[in-house]
Amino acid sequence: MMKLWNANSNGKLESTSIKGSIADWQSWFLGSNSHGDPIHWQSGRFKQKVLGTAISELGKLYPQTLFTLMTNKQGRAVTGYQLDITNIHTSLKL
């Protein structure tokens, strides 16, 4: 997730938005199997186990940062995700 954030924020780790289809997100995190076929998980499982864990870990490393994950849908089917990352400039502890 850190590499994805860095790539989309042009190296400044400032406010950024990362958008992609469900296939994009899964290929970024899960990769492919030994035959070269992309690995697919159910969208709910992927969001909880992969994206939720990655956001939680980054939240611990960067407590002054707000992570907002939105699920893009077409009807009831999940088509992708958008992750907005915003640095909060405050002197208060979050």
C-alpha atoms as a PDB file:
ATOM      1  CA  MET A   1       0.000   0.000   0.000  1.00  0.00           C
ATOM      2  CA  MET A   2       2.889   2.337   0.793  1.00  0.00           C
ATOM      3  CA  LYS A   3       4.337   1.963  -2.710  1.00  0.00           C
ATOM      4  CA  LEU A   4       0.920   2.594  -4.248  1.00  0.00           C
ATOM      5  CA  TRP A   5       0.460   5.734  -2.133  1.00  0.00           C
ATOM      6  CA  ASN A   6       3.943   6.970  -3.003  1.00  0.00           C
ATOM      7  CA  ALA A   7       3.437   6.372  -6.720  1.00  0.00           C
ATOM      8  CA  ASN A   8       0.108   8.210  -6.825  1.00  0.00           C
ATOM      9  CA  SER A   9       1.269  11.186  -4.765  1.00  0.00           C
ATOM     10  CA  ASN A  10       4.389  11.818  -6.871  1.00  0.00           C
ATOM     11  CA  GLY A  11       6.697  11.005  -3.964  1.00  0.00           C
ATOM     12  CA  LYS A  12       5.370  13.710  -1.624  1.00  0.00           C
ATOM     13  CA  LEU A  13       2.997  11.535   0.458  1.00  0.00           C
ATOM     14  CA  GLU A  14       0.501  14.385   0.494  1.00  0.00           C
ATOM     15  CA  SER A  15      -3.221  14.182  -0.152  1.00  0.00           C
ATOM     16  CA  THR A  16      -3.967  11.783  -2.958  1.00  0.00           C
ATOM     17  CA  SER A  17      -6.676   9.593  -4.423  1.00  0.00           C
ATOM     18  CA  ILE A  18      -6.095   6.055  -5.671  1.00  0.00           C
ATOM     19  CA  LYS A  19      -8.795   4.629  -7.956  1.00  0.00           C
ATOM     20  CA  GLY A  20      -9.043   1.271  -9.627  1.00  0.00           C
ATOM     21  CA  SER A  21     -11.303  -1.581 -10.628  1.00  0.00           C
ATOM     22  CA  ILE A  22     -11.630  -4.630  -8.390  1.00  0.00           C
ATOM     23  CA  ALA A  23      -9.325  -6.479 -10.796  1.00  0.00           C
ATOM     24  CA  ASP A  24      -6.722  -3.695 -10.544  1.00  0.00           C
ATOM     25  CA  TRP A  25      -6.743  -3.678  -6.736  1.00  0.00           C
ATOM     26  CA  GLN A  26      -6.534  -7.460  -6.525  1.00  0.00           C
ATOM     27  CA  SER A  27      -3.669  -7.620  -9.016  1.00  0.00           C
ATOM     28  CA  TRP A  28      -1.779  -4.923  -7.060  1.00  0.00           C
ATOM     29  CA  PHE A  29      -2.055  -6.850  -3.800  1.00  0.00           C
ATOM     30  CA  LEU A  30      -2.615 -10.521  -4.635  1.00  0.00           C
ATOM     31  CA  GLY A  31      -0.630 -10.886  -7.854  1.00  0.00           C
ATOM     32  CA  SER A  32      -0.960 -14.091  -9.845  1.00  0.00           C
ATOM     33  CA  ASN A  33      -0.664 -17.822  -9.259  1.00  0.00           C
ATOM     34  CA  SER A  34       2.075 -20.119 -10.554  1.00  0.00           C
ATOM     35  CA  HIS A  35       0.311 -20.371 -13.945  1.00  0.00           C
ATOM     36  CA  GLY A  36       0.269 -16.593 -14.381  1.00  0.00           C
ATOM     37  CA  ASP A  37      -3.490 -16.295 -13.834  1.00  0.00           C
ATOM     38  CA  PRO A  38      -4.597 -13.379 -11.613  1.00  0.00           C
ATOM     39  CA  ILE A  39      -5.732 -14.352  -8.113  1.00  0.00           C
ATOM     40  CA  HIS A  40      -9.328 -13.357  -7.328  1.00  0.00           C
ATOM     41  CA  TRP A  41     -11.047 -13.157  -3.945  1.00  0.00           C
ATOM     42  CA  GLN A  42     -14.619 -12.231  -3.099  1.00  0.00           C
ATOM     43  CA  SER A  43     -14.844  -8.451  -2.805  1.00  0.00           C
ATOM     44  CA  GLY A  44     -15.959  -8.493   0.857  1.00  0.00           C
ATOM     45  CA  ARG A  45     -13.132 -10.810   1.891  1.00  0.00           C
ATOM     46  CA  PHE A  46     -10.598  -8.759  -0.079  1.00  0.00           C
ATOM     47  CA  LYS A  47     -11.787  -5.474   1.455  1.00  0.00           C
ATOM     48  CA  GLN A  48     -11.674  -6.842   5.005  1.00  0.00           C
ATOM     49  CA  LYS A  49      -8.519  -8.954   4.903  1.00  0.00           C
ATOM     50  CA  VAL A  50      -6.316  -6.973   2.518  1.00  0.00           C
ATOM     51  CA  LEU A  51      -7.436  -3.355   2.275  1.00  0.00           C
ATOM     52  CA  GLY A  52      -8.609  -3.131   5.878  1.00  0.00           C
ATOM     53  CA  THR A  53      -5.334  -4.543   7.164  1.00  0.00           C
ATOM     54  CA  ALA A  54      -3.227  -2.300   4.904  1.00  0.00           C
ATOM     55  CA  ILE A  55      -5.128   0.837   5.956  1.00  0.00           C
ATOM     56  CA  SER A  56      -4.884  -0.135   9.622  1.00  0.00           C
ATOM     57  CA  GLU A  57      -1.118  -0.649   9.364  1.00  0.00           C
ATOM     58  CA  LEU A  58      -0.624   2.690   7.590  1.00  0.00           C
ATOM     59  CA  GLY A  59      -2.830   4.394  10.177  1.00  0.00           C
ATOM     60  CA  LYS A  60      -0.450   3.201  12.905  1.00  0.00           C
ATOM     61  CA  LEU A  61       2.588   4.466  10.981  1.00  0.00           C
ATOM     62  CA  TYR A  62       0.967   7.781  10.015  1.00  0.00           C
ATOM     63  CA  PRO A  63      -1.468   8.810  12.780  1.00  0.00           C
ATOM     64  CA  GLN A  64      -1.855  12.332  11.336  1.00  0.00           C
ATOM     65  CA  THR A  65      -3.372  10.911   8.142  1.00  0.00           C
ATOM     66  CA  LEU A  66      -7.001  10.223   7.260  1.00  0.00           C
ATOM     67  CA  PHE A  67      -7.753   7.187   5.071  1.00  0.00           C
ATOM     68  CA  THR A  68     -11.190   7.020   3.409  1.00  0.00           C
ATOM     69  CA  LEU A  69     -12.052   3.895   1.402  1.00  0.00           C
ATOM     70  CA  MET A  70     -15.096   4.063  -0.872  1.00  0.00           C
ATOM     71  CA  THR A  71     -16.579   1.081  -2.658  1.00  0.00           C
ATOM     72  CA  ASN A  72     -17.687   1.675  -6.252  1.00  0.00           C
ATOM     73  CA  LYS A  73     -20.708  -0.373  -7.252  1.00  0.00           C
ATOM     74  CA  GLN A  74     -22.861  -1.051 -10.263  1.00  0.00           C
ATOM     75  CA  GLY A  75     -26.130  -2.210  -8.795  1.00  0.00           C
ATOM     76  CA  ARG A  76     -25.119  -4.635  -6.055  1.00  0.00           C
ATOM     77  CA  ALA A  77     -21.881  -5.728  -7.708  1.00  0.00           C
ATOM     78  CA  VAL A  78     -18.601  -4.194  -6.534  1.00  0.00           C
ATOM     79  CA  THR A  79     -16.715  -2.727  -9.497  1.00  0.00           C
ATOM     80  CA  GLY A  80     -13.767  -1.147  -7.702  1.00  0.00           C
ATOM     81  CA  TYR A  81     -12.478   1.005  -4.889  1.00  0.00           C
ATOM     82  CA  GLN A  82     -11.304   4.565  -4.344  1.00  0.00           C
ATOM     83  CA  LEU A  83      -8.946   5.333  -1.496  1.00  0.00           C
ATOM     84  CA  ASP A  84      -8.557   8.977  -0.484  1.00  0.00           C
ATOM     85  CA  ILE A  85      -5.539   9.746   1.690  1.00  0.00           C
ATOM     86  CA  THR A  86      -5.412  13.142   3.386  1.00  0.00           C
ATOM     87  CA  ASN A  87      -2.706  14.483   5.689  1.00  0.00           C
ATOM     88  CA  ILE A  88      -4.163  16.334   8.653  1.00  0.00           C
ATOM     89  CA  HIS A  89      -2.063  19.291   9.713  1.00  0.00           C
ATOM     90  CA  THR A  90      -2.744  19.779  13.429  1.00  0.00           C
ATOM     91  CA  SER A  91      -0.819  20.040  16.647  1.00  0.00           C
ATOM     92  CA  LEU A  92      -3.399  17.886  18.448  1.00  0.00           C
ATOM     93  CA  LYS A  93      -2.715  14.198  18.994  1.00  0.00           C
ATOM     94  CA  LEU A  94      -5.075  12.002  16.968  1.00  0.00           C
END
